[in-house]
PDB file of N, CA and C in Angstrom:
ATOM      1  N   MET A   1     -19.646  -3.069  -0.170  1.00  0.00           N
ATOM      2  CA  MET A   1     -18.942  -2.053  -0.927  1.00  0.00           C
ATOM      3  C   MET A   1     -19.280  -0.649  -0.413  1.00  0.00           C
ATOM      4  N   LYS A   2     -20.500  -0.506   0.149  1.00  0.00           N
ATOM      5  CA  LYS A   2     -20.864   0.799   0.711  1.00  0.00           C
ATOM      6  C   LYS A   2     -19.940   1.169   1.866  1.00  0.00           C
ATOM      7  N   LEU A   3     -19.660   0.202   2.724  1.00  0.00           N
ATOM      8  CA  LEU A   3     -18.786   0.454   3.870  1.00  0.00           C
ATOM      9  C   LEU A   3     -17.372   0.803   3.403  1.00  0.00           C
ATOM     10  N   PHE A   4     -16.884   0.084   2.408  1.00  0.00           N
ATOM     11  CA  PHE A   4     -15.539   0.339   1.896  1.00  0.00           C
ATOM     12  C   PHE A   4     -15.439   1.734   1.278  1.00  0.00           C
ATOM     13  N   SER A   5     -16.495   2.172   0.597  1.00  0.00           N
ATOM     14  CA  SER A   5     -16.470   3.514   0.008  1.00  0.00           C
ATOM     15  C   SER A   5     -16.457   4.582   1.095  1.00  0.00           C
ATOM     16  N   LYS A   6     -17.153   4.331   2.195  1.00  0.00           N
ATOM     17  CA  LYS A   6     -17.145   5.293   3.305  1.00  0.00           C
ATOM     18  C   LYS A   6     -15.791   5.313   4.005  1.00  0.00           C
ATOM     19  N   ILE A   7     -15.167   4.151   4.149  1.00  0.00           N
ATOM     20  CA  ILE A   7     -13.827   4.091   4.746  1.00  0.00           C
ATOM     21  C   ILE A   7     -12.830   4.835   3.865  1.00  0.00           C
ATOM     22  N   ALA A   8     -12.937   4.651   2.556  1.00  0.00           N
ATOM     23  CA  ALA A   8     -12.051   5.365   1.634  1.00  0.00           C
ATOM     24  C   ALA A   8     -12.270   6.873   1.737  1.00  0.00           C
ATOM     25  N   PHE A   9     -13.520   7.292   1.894  1.00  0.00           N
ATOM     26  CA  PHE A   9     -13.811   8.721   2.029  1.00  0.00           C
ATOM     27  C   PHE A   9     -13.226   9.285   3.321  1.00  0.00           C
ATOM     28  N   ILE A  10     -13.333   8.544   4.416  1.00  0.00           N
ATOM     29  CA  ILE A  10     -12.754   8.988   5.694  1.00  0.00           C
ATOM     30  C   ILE A  10     -11.236   9.087   5.579  1.00  0.00           C
ATOM     31  N   CYS A  11     -10.614   8.120   4.922  1.00  0.00           N
ATOM     32  CA  CYS A  11      -9.162   8.184   4.717  1.00  0.00           C
ATOM     33  C   CYS A  11      -8.787   9.379   3.844  1.00  0.00           C
ATOM     34  N   ASN A  12      -9.621   9.697   2.872  1.00  0.00           N
ATOM     35  CA  ASN A  12      -9.353  10.856   2.029  1.00  0.00           C
ATOM     36  C   ASN A  12      -9.457  12.157   2.814  1.00  0.00           C
ATOM     37  N   LEU A  13     -10.413  12.228   3.724  1.00  0.00           N
ATOM     38  CA  LEU A  13     -10.503  13.413   4.580  1.00  0.00           C
ATOM     39  C   LEU A  13      -9.281  13.524   5.482  1.00  0.00           C
ATOM     40  N   SER A  14      -8.803  12.385   5.977  1.00  0.00           N
ATOM     41  CA  SER A  14      -7.594  12.430   6.804  1.00  0.00           C
ATOM     42  C   SER A  14      -6.377  12.797   5.958  1.00  0.00           C
ATOM     43  N   PHE A  15      -6.405  12.496   4.665  1.00  0.00           N
ATOM     44  CA  PHE A  15      -5.343  12.942   3.764  1.00  0.00           C
ATOM     45  C   PHE A  15      -5.313  14.467   3.692  1.00  0.00           C
ATOM     46  N   LEU A  16      -6.492  15.086   3.629  1.00  0.00           N
ATOM     47  CA  LEU A  16      -6.543  16.550   3.638  1.00  0.00           C
ATOM     48  C   LEU A  16      -5.992  17.114   4.937  1.00  0.00           C
ATOM     49  N   VAL A  17      -6.350  16.493   6.062  1.00  0.00           N
ATOM     50  CA  VAL A  17      -5.835  16.944   7.355  1.00  0.00           C
ATOM     51  C   VAL A  17      -4.324  16.753   7.404  1.00  0.00           C
ATOM     52  N   PHE A  18      -3.825  15.658   6.834  1.00  0.00           N
ATOM     53  CA  PHE A  18      -2.389  15.389   6.761  1.00  0.00           C
ATOM     54  C   PHE A  18      -1.668  16.501   5.999  1.00  0.00           C
ATOM     55  N   ILE A  19      -2.232  16.941   4.892  1.00  0.00           N
ATOM     56  CA  ILE A  19      -1.623  18.022   4.113  1.00  0.00           C
ATOM     57  C   ILE A  19      -1.663  19.332   4.894  1.00  0.00           C
ATOM     58  N   ILE A  20      -2.786  19.610   5.537  1.00  0.00           N
ATOM     59  CA  ILE A  20      -2.919  20.849   6.311  1.00  0.00           C
ATOM     60  C   ILE A  20      -1.950  20.855   7.485  1.00  0.00           C
ATOM     61  N   LEU A  21      -1.829  19.727   8.189  1.00  0.00           N
ATOM     62  CA  LEU A  21      -0.890  19.650   9.315  1.00  0.00           C
ATOM     63  C   LEU A  21       0.554  19.833   8.854  1.00  0.00           C
ATOM     64  N   GLY A  22       0.897  19.256   7.713  1.00  0.00           N
ATOM     65  CA  GLY A  22       2.240  19.442   7.174  1.00  0.00           C
ATOM     66  C   GLY A  22       2.512  20.884   6.798  1.00  0.00           C
ATOM     67  N   TYR A  23       1.516  21.539   6.234  1.00  0.00           N
ATOM     68  CA  TYR A  23       1.657  22.951   5.867  1.00  0.00           C
ATOM     69  C   TYR A  23       1.821  23.819   7.114  1.00  0.00           C
ATOM     70  N   ILE A  24       1.026  23.557   8.135  1.00  0.00           N
ATOM     71  CA  ILE A  24       1.122  24.331   9.382  1.00  0.00           C
ATOM     72  C   ILE A  24       2.475  24.112  10.045  1.00  0.00           C
ATOM     73  N   GLU A  25       2.919  22.864  10.087  1.00  0.00           N
ATOM     74  CA  GLU A  25       4.211  22.568  10.710  1.00  0.00           C
ATOM     75  C   GLU A  25       5.357  23.220   9.940  1.00  0.00           C
ATOM     76  N   PHE A  26       5.281  23.192   8.620  1.00  0.00           N
ATOM     77  CA  PHE A  26       6.323  23.812   7.802  1.00  0.00           C
ATOM     78  C   PHE A  26       6.376  25.319   8.030  1.00  0.00           C
ATOM     79  N   ASN A  27       5.210  25.953   8.092  1.00  0.00           N
ATOM     80  CA  ASN A  27       5.183  27.406   8.321  1.00  0.00           C
ATOM     81  C   ASN A  27       5.634  27.768   9.721  1.00  0.00           C
ATOM     82  N   ASN A  28       5.332  26.947  10.719  1.00  0.00           N
ATOM     83  CA  ASN A  28       5.785  27.228  12.081  1.00  0.00           C
ATOM     84  C   ASN A  28       7.301  27.124  12.190  1.00  0.00           C
ATOM     85  N   LYS A  29       7.881  26.145  11.515  1.00  0.00           N
ATOM     86  CA  LYS A  29       9.342  26.024  11.540  1.00  0.00           C
ATOM     87  C   LYS A  29       9.996  27.152  10.746  1.00  0.00           C
ATOM     88  N   LYS A  30       9.347  27.548   9.665  1.00  0.00           N
ATOM     89  CA  LYS A  30       9.889  28.608   8.823  1.00  0.00           C
ATOM     90  C   LYS A  30       9.860  29.951   9.552  1.00  0.00           C
ATOM     91  N   ASN A  31       8.771  30.229  10.248  1.00  0.00           N
ATOM     92  CA  ASN A  31       8.623  31.503  10.957  1.00  0.00           C
ATOM     93  C   ASN A  31       9.102  31.434  12.401  1.00  0.00           C
ATOM     94  N   LYS A  32       9.504  30.258  12.837  1.00  0.00           N
ATOM     95  CA  LYS A  32       9.963  30.027  14.216  1.00  0.00           C
ATOM     96  C   LYS A  32       8.938  30.516  15.236  1.00  0.00           C
ATOM     97  N   VAL A  33       7.702  30.147  15.001  1.00  0.00           N
ATOM     98  CA  VAL A  33       6.610  30.527  15.895  1.00  0.00           C
ATOM     99  C   VAL A  33       6.355  29.370  16.845  1.00  0.00           C
ATOM    100  N   SER A  34       6.298  29.673  18.125  1.00  0.00           N
ATOM    101  CA  SER A  34       5.938  28.637  19.089  1.00  0.00           C
ATOM    102  C   SER A  34       4.466  28.815  19.425  1.00  0.00           C
ATOM    103  N   ASP A  35       3.718  27.753  19.239  1.00  0.00           N
ATOM    104  CA  ASP A  35       2.293  27.848  19.513  1.00  0.00           C
ATOM    105  C   ASP A  35       1.993  27.398  20.938  1.00  0.00           C
ATOM    106  N   ASN A  36       0.899  27.855  21.436  1.00  0.00           N
ATOM    107  CA  ASN A  36       0.475  27.504  22.782  1.00  0.00           C
ATOM    108  C   ASN A  36      -0.637  26.463  22.758  1.00  0.00           C
ATOM    109  N   ILE A  37      -0.746  25.755  21.665  1.00  0.00           N
ATOM    110  CA  ILE A  37      -1.767  24.729  21.531  1.00  0.00           C
ATOM    111  C   ILE A  37      -1.247  23.442  22.154  1.00  0.00           C
ATOM    112  N   ILE A  38      -2.120  22.750  22.863  1.00  0.00           N
ATOM    113  CA  ILE A  38      -1.742  21.482  23.483  1.00  0.00           C
ATOM    114  C   ILE A  38      -1.545  20.449  22.377  1.00  0.00           C
ATOM    115  N   PRO A  39      -0.386  19.826  22.298  1.00  0.00           N
ATOM    116  CA  PRO A  39      -0.167  18.830  21.250  1.00  0.00           C
ATOM    117  C   PRO A  39      -0.961  17.554  21.532  1.00  0.00           C
ATOM    118  N   LEU A  40      -1.495  16.974  20.489  1.00  0.00           N
ATOM    119  CA  LEU A  40      -2.218  15.713  20.580  1.00  0.00           C
ATOM    120  C   LEU A  40      -1.513  14.696  19.690  1.00  0.00           C
ATOM    121  N   PRO A  41      -0.431  14.091  20.162  1.00  0.00           N
ATOM    122  CA  PRO A  41       0.361  13.229  19.285  1.00  0.00           C
ATOM    123  C   PRO A  41      -0.400  11.997  18.801  1.00  0.00           C
ATOM    124  N   PHE A  42      -1.305  11.463  19.622  1.00  0.00           N
ATOM    125  CA  PHE A  42      -2.038  10.270  19.188  1.00  0.00           C
ATOM    126  C   PHE A  42      -2.973  10.600  18.033  1.00  0.00           C
ATOM    127  N   VAL A  43      -3.716  11.686  18.166  1.00  0.00           N
ATOM    128  CA  VAL A  43      -4.659  12.081  17.116  1.00  0.00           C
ATOM    129  C   VAL A  43      -3.907  12.489  15.859  1.00  0.00           C
ATOM    130  N   THR A  44      -2.867  13.278  16.039  1.00  0.00           N
ATOM    131  CA  THR A  44      -2.077  13.723  14.894  1.00  0.00           C
ATOM    132  C   THR A  44      -1.419  12.539  14.195  1.00  0.00           C
ATOM    133  N   GLY A  45      -0.861  11.630  14.969  1.00  0.00           N
ATOM    134  CA  GLY A  45      -0.220  10.452  14.394  1.00  0.00           C
ATOM    135  C   GLY A  45      -1.201   9.569  13.647  1.00  0.00           C
ATOM    136  N   THR A  46      -2.389   9.403  14.206  1.00  0.00           N
ATOM    137  CA  THR A  46      -3.410   8.594  13.546  1.00  0.00           C
ATOM    138  C   THR A  46      -3.836   9.225  12.231  1.00  0.00           C
ATOM    139  N   LEU A  47      -4.041  10.530  12.233  1.00  0.00           N
ATOM    140  CA  LEU A  47      -4.442  11.210  11.004  1.00  0.00           C
ATOM    141  C   LEU A  47      -3.344  11.174   9.949  1.00  0.00           C
ATOM    142  N   VAL A  48      -2.104  11.276  10.374  1.00  0.00           N
ATOM    143  CA  VAL A  48      -0.988  11.215   9.423  1.00  0.00           C
ATOM    144  C   VAL A  48      -0.884   9.822   8.811  1.00  0.00           C
ATOM    145  N   VAL A  49      -1.015   8.791   9.624  1.00  0.00           N
ATOM    146  CA  VAL A  49      -0.940   7.422   9.100  1.00  0.00           C
ATOM    147  C   VAL A  49      -2.103   7.153   8.153  1.00  0.00           C
ATOM    148  N   LEU A  50      -3.309   7.550   8.530  1.00  0.00           N
ATOM    149  CA  LEU A  50      -4.459   7.376   7.638  1.00  0.00           C
ATOM    150  C   LEU A  50      -4.291   8.191   6.364  1.00  0.00           C
ATOM    151  N   GLY A  51      -3.729   9.383   6.487  1.00  0.00           N
ATOM    152  CA  GLY A  51      -3.517  10.223   5.315  1.00  0.00           C
ATOM    153  C   GLY A  51      -2.519   9.634   4.339  1.00  0.00           C
ATOM    154  N   GLN A  52      -1.472   9.016   4.863  1.00  0.00           N
ATOM    155  CA  GLN A  52      -0.487   8.398   3.980  1.00  0.00           C
ATOM    156  C   GLN A  52      -0.989   7.068   3.422  1.00  0.00           C
ATOM    157  N   PHE A  53      -1.817   6.387   4.169  1.00  0.00           N
ATOM    158  CA  PHE A  53      -2.348   5.096   3.731  1.00  0.00           C
ATOM    159  C   PHE A  53      -3.546   5.266   2.797  1.00  0.00           C
ATOM    160  N   ALA A  54      -4.063   6.485   2.710  1.00  0.00           N
ATOM    161  CA  ALA A  54      -5.274   6.748   1.929  1.00  0.00           C
ATOM    162  C   ALA A  54      -5.086   6.448   0.452  1.00  0.00           C
ATOM    163  N   ILE A  55      -3.890   6.659  -0.073  1.00  0.00           N
ATOM    164  CA  ILE A  55      -3.688   6.423  -1.503  1.00  0.00           C
ATOM    165  C   ILE A  55      -3.859   4.940  -1.844  1.00  0.00           C
ATOM    166  N   PHE A  56      -3.437   4.054  -0.956  1.00  0.00           N
ATOM    167  CA  PHE A  56      -3.580   2.623  -1.215  1.00  0.00           C
ATOM    168  C   PHE A  56      -5.043   2.192  -1.129  1.00  0.00           C
ATOM    169  N   ILE A  57      -5.725   2.653  -0.099  1.00  0.00           N
ATOM    170  CA  ILE A  57      -7.139   2.313   0.057  1.00  0.00           C
ATOM    171  C   ILE A  57      -7.949   2.898  -1.094  1.00  0.00           C
ATOM    172  N   ASN A  58      -7.639   4.120  -1.465  1.00  0.00           N
ATOM    173  CA  ASN A  58      -8.372   4.777  -2.538  1.00  0.00           C
ATOM    174  C   ASN A  58      -8.096   4.124  -3.889  1.00  0.00           C
ATOM    175  N   LEU A  59      -6.880   3.685  -4.110  1.00  0.00           N
ATOM    176  CA  LEU A  59      -6.552   2.995  -5.354  1.00  0.00           C
ATOM    177  C   LEU A  59      -7.319   1.682  -5.464  1.00  0.00           C
ATOM    178  N   ILE A  60      -7.380   0.935  -4.375  1.00  0.00           N
ATOM    179  CA  ILE A  60      -8.141  -0.318  -4.368  1.00  0.00           C
ATOM    180  C   ILE A  60      -9.621  -0.034  -4.582  1.00  0.00           C
ATOM    181  N   PHE A  61     -10.138   1.005  -3.912  1.00  0.00           N
ATOM    182  CA  PHE A  61     -11.551   1.349  -4.082  1.00  0.00           C
ATOM    183  C   PHE A  61     -11.859   1.741  -5.522  1.00  0.00           C
ATOM    184  N   CYS A  62     -11.047   2.602  -6.115  1.00  0.00           N
ATOM    185  CA  CYS A  62     -11.307   3.056  -7.484  1.00  0.00           C
ATOM    186  C   CYS A  62     -11.202   1.908  -8.483  1.00  0.00           C
ATOM    187  N   PHE A  63     -10.258   1.007  -8.263  1.00  0.00           N
ATOM    188  CA  PHE A  63     -10.138  -0.158  -9.141  1.00  0.00           C
ATOM    189  C   PHE A  63     -11.365  -1.058  -9.010  1.00  0.00           C
ATOM    190  N   THR A  64     -11.814  -1.283  -7.777  1.00  0.00           N
ATOM    191  CA  THR A  64     -13.003  -2.105  -7.552  1.00  0.00           C
ATOM    192  C   THR A  64     -14.245  -1.433  -8.126  1.00  0.00           C
ATOM    193  N   ALA A  65     -14.360  -0.124  -7.955  1.00  0.00           N
ATOM    194  CA  ALA A  65     -15.504   0.610  -8.503  1.00  0.00           C
ATOM    195  C   ALA A  65     -15.499   0.562 -10.029  1.00  0.00           C
ATOM    196  N   LEU A  66     -14.321   0.615 -10.625  1.00  0.00           N
ATOM    197  CA  LEU A  66     -14.226   0.509 -12.081  1.00  0.00           C
ATOM    198  C   LEU A  66     -14.682  -0.866 -12.556  1.00  0.00           C
ATOM    199  N   MET A  67     -14.287  -1.907 -11.827  1.00  0.00           N
ATOM    200  CA  MET A  67     -14.723  -3.262 -12.187  1.00  0.00           C
ATOM    201  C   MET A  67     -16.243  -3.409 -12.040  1.00  0.00           C
ATOM    202  N   LEU A  68     -16.799  -2.831 -10.985  1.00  0.00           N
ATOM    203  CA  LEU A  68     -18.251  -2.883 -10.809  1.00  0.00           C
ATOM    204  C   LEU A  68     -18.966  -2.066 -11.876  1.00  0.00           C
ATOM    205  N   LEU A  69     -18.374  -0.961 -12.277  1.00  0.00           N
ATOM    206  CA  LEU A  69     -18.972  -0.136 -13.320  1.00  0.00           C
ATOM    207  C   LEU A  69     -18.980  -0.873 -14.656  1.00  0.00           C
ATOM    208  N   LEU A  70     -17.897  -1.571 -14.946  1.00  0.00           N
ATOM    209  CA  LEU A  70     -17.829  -2.325 -16.196  1.00  0.00           C
ATOM    210  C   LEU A  70     -18.787  -3.513 -16.199  1.00  0.00           C
ATOM    211  N   SER A  71     -19.041  -4.089 -15.026  1.00  0.00           N
ATOM    212  CA  SER A  71     -19.979  -5.211 -14.949  1.00  0.00           C
ATOM    213  C   SER A  71     -21.410  -4.742 -14.685  1.00  0.00           C
ATOM    214  N   LYS A  72     -21.625  -3.431 -14.629  1.00  0.00           N
ATOM    215  CA  LYS A  72     -22.938  -2.796 -14.450  1.00  0.00           C
ATOM    216  C   LYS A  72     -23.624  -3.204 -13.149  1.00  0.00           C
ATOM    217  N   LYS A  73     -22.840  -3.319 -12.073  1.00  0.00           N
ATOM    218  CA  LYS A  73     -23.384  -3.632 -10.751  1.00  0.00           C
ATOM    219  C   LYS A  73     -23.093  -2.507  -9.764  1.00  0.00           C
ATOM    220  N   MET A  74     -23.018  -1.302 -10.241  1.00  0.00           N
ATOM    221  CA  MET A  74     -22.570  -0.173  -9.433  1.00  0.00           C
ATOM    222  C   MET A  74     -23.736   0.605  -8.820  1.00  0.00           C
ATOM    223  N   LYS A  75     -24.884   0.023  -8.663  1.00  0.00           N
ATOM    224  CA  LYS A  75     -26.057   0.751  -8.193  1.00  0.00           C
ATOM    225  C   LYS A  75     -26.064   0.975  -6.690  1.00  0.00           C
ATOM    226  N   GLN A  76     -25.272   0.255  -5.933  1.00  0.00           N
ATOM    227  CA  GLN A  76     -25.336   0.349  -4.484  1.00  0.00           C
ATOM    228  C   GLN A  76     -24.472   1.458  -3.895  1.00  0.00           C
ATOM    229  N   ILE A  77     -23.590   2.057  -4.673  1.00  0.00           N
ATOM    230  CA  ILE A  77     -22.697   3.114  -4.186  1.00  0.00           C
ATOM    231  C   ILE A  77     -23.168   4.444  -4.767  1.00  0.00           C
ATOM    232  N   PRO A  78     -23.302   5.478  -3.925  1.00  0.00           N
ATOM    233  CA  PRO A  78     -23.692   6.792  -4.460  1.00  0.00           C
ATOM    234  C   PRO A  78     -22.656   7.306  -5.466  1.00  0.00           C
ATOM    235  N   GLN A  79     -23.150   7.872  -6.534  1.00  0.00           N
ATOM    236  CA  GLN A  79     -22.267   8.323  -7.612  1.00  0.00           C
ATOM    237  C   GLN A  79     -21.354   9.457  -7.154  1.00  0.00           C
ATOM    238  N   TRP A  80     -21.857  10.350  -6.301  1.00  0.00           N
ATOM    239  CA  TRP A  80     -21.037  11.468  -5.837  1.00  0.00           C
ATOM    240  C   TRP A  80     -19.840  10.965  -5.043  1.00  0.00           C
ATOM    241  N   LEU A  81     -20.026   9.868  -4.300  1.00  0.00           N
ATOM    242  CA  LEU A  81     -18.940   9.325  -3.489  1.00  0.00           C
ATOM    243  C   LEU A  81     -17.839   8.734  -4.369  1.00  0.00           C
ATOM    244  N   VAL A  82     -18.229   8.090  -5.435  1.00  0.00           N
ATOM    245  CA  VAL A  82     -17.247   7.532  -6.368  1.00  0.00           C
ATOM    246  C   VAL A  82     -16.471   8.656  -7.053  1.00  0.00           C
ATOM    247  N   ILE A  83     -17.169   9.705  -7.460  1.00  0.00           N
ATOM    248  CA  ILE A  83     -16.512  10.828  -8.136  1.00  0.00           C
ATOM    249  C   ILE A  83     -15.549  11.541  -7.196  1.00  0.00           C
ATOM    250  N   VAL A  84     -15.987  11.784  -5.960  1.00  0.00           N
ATOM    251  CA  VAL A  84     -15.131  12.465  -4.984  1.00  0.00           C
ATOM    252  C   VAL A  84     -13.901  11.621  -4.667  1.00  0.00           C
ATOM    253  N   ASN A  85     -14.078  10.315  -4.497  1.00  0.00           N
ATOM    254  CA  ASN A  85     -12.930   9.448  -4.217  1.00  0.00           C
ATOM    255  C   ASN A  85     -11.961   9.419  -5.395  1.00  0.00           C
ATOM    256  N   PHE A  86     -12.484   9.456  -6.616  1.00  0.00           N
ATOM    257  CA  PHE A  86     -11.600   9.483  -7.782  1.00  0.00           C
ATOM    258  C   PHE A  86     -10.824  10.798  -7.854  1.00  0.00           C
ATOM    259  N   ILE A  87     -11.480  11.910  -7.536  1.00  0.00           N
ATOM    260  CA  ILE A  87     -10.787  13.208  -7.517  1.00  0.00           C
ATOM    261  C   ILE A  87      -9.698  13.206  -6.450  1.00  0.00           C
ATOM    262  N   PHE A  88     -10.008  12.623  -5.284  1.00  0.00           N
ATOM    263  CA  PHE A  88      -8.996  12.506  -4.240  1.00  0.00           C
ATOM    264  C   PHE A  88      -7.826  11.638  -4.701  1.00  0.00           C
ATOM    265  N   LEU A  89      -8.100  10.591  -5.465  1.00  0.00           N
ATOM    266  CA  LEU A  89      -7.016   9.746  -5.972  1.00  0.00           C
ATOM    267  C   LEU A  89      -6.097  10.549  -6.885  1.00  0.00           C
ATOM    268  N   LEU A  90      -6.672  11.377  -7.734  1.00  0.00           N
ATOM    269  CA  LEU A  90      -5.846  12.222  -8.600  1.00  0.00           C
ATOM    270  C   LEU A  90      -4.992  13.185  -7.781  1.00  0.00           C
ATOM    271  N   LEU A  91      -5.587  13.778  -6.742  1.00  0.00           N
ATOM    272  CA  LEU A  91      -4.826  14.676  -5.866  1.00  0.00           C
ATOM    273  C   LEU A  91      -3.706  13.938  -5.140  1.00  0.00           C
ATOM    274  N   GLN A  92      -3.982  12.718  -4.706  1.00  0.00           N
ATOM    275  CA  GLN A  92      -2.973  11.940  -3.983  1.00  0.00           C
ATOM    276  C   GLN A  92      -1.826  11.538  -4.897  1.00  0.00           C
ATOM    277  N   VAL A  93      -2.137  11.151  -6.112  1.00  0.00           N
ATOM    278  CA  VAL A  93      -1.078  10.811  -7.064  1.00  0.00           C
ATOM    279  C   VAL A  93      -0.227  12.044  -7.346  1.00  0.00           C
ATOM    280  N   TYR A  94      -0.870  13.191  -7.502  1.00  0.00           N
ATOM    281  CA  TYR A  94      -0.118  14.426  -7.715  1.00  0.00           C
ATOM    282  C   TYR A  94       0.761  14.742  -6.508  1.00  0.00           C
ATOM    283  N   TYR A  95       0.207  14.638  -5.316  1.00  0.00           N
ATOM    284  CA  TYR A  95       0.947  15.012  -4.108  1.00  0.00           C
ATOM    285  C   TYR A  95       2.121  14.070  -3.843  1.00  0.00           C
ATOM    286  N   PHE A  96       1.902  12.767  -3.963  1.00  0.00           N
ATOM    287  CA  PHE A  96       2.944  11.810  -3.599  1.00  0.00           C
ATOM    288  C   PHE A  96       3.969  11.567  -4.703  1.00  0.00           C
ATOM    289  N   PHE A  97       3.584  11.708  -5.969  1.00  0.00           N
ATOM    290  CA  PHE A  97       4.499  11.334  -7.045  1.00  0.00           C
ATOM    291  C   PHE A  97       4.978  12.501  -7.902  1.00  0.00           C
ATOM    292  N   ILE A  98       4.219  13.572  -7.987  1.00  0.00           N
ATOM    293  CA  ILE A  98       4.606  14.680  -8.856  1.00  0.00           C
ATOM    294  C   ILE A  98       5.108  15.866  -8.057  1.00  0.00           C
ATOM    295  N   TYR A  99       4.435  16.214  -6.976  1.00  0.00           N
ATOM    296  CA  TYR A  99       4.775  17.374  -6.166  1.00  0.00           C
ATOM    297  C   TYR A  99       5.945  17.050  -5.350  1.00  0.00           C
TER     298      TYR A  99
END
């Protein structure tokens, strides 16, 4: 479960990068600015896919963490990691379904 919580955290970080990349791309198209940065389509594509897939991984993690919490076997996962992943889940639900 420790490994799964770390994978969920990495996916959540890529979700933040996904949002930032979308914001940058939207502003570049809006302002018609051409950047001189070398494009990295593989890295960008990987981060976008992980960012979009993060809500599913995070939902499974939070559900599993809730089950472990109810069965009182949650001692192996750091509490800060569970809280941060839950906050990311709320942000992802807001971003994908409300915003």
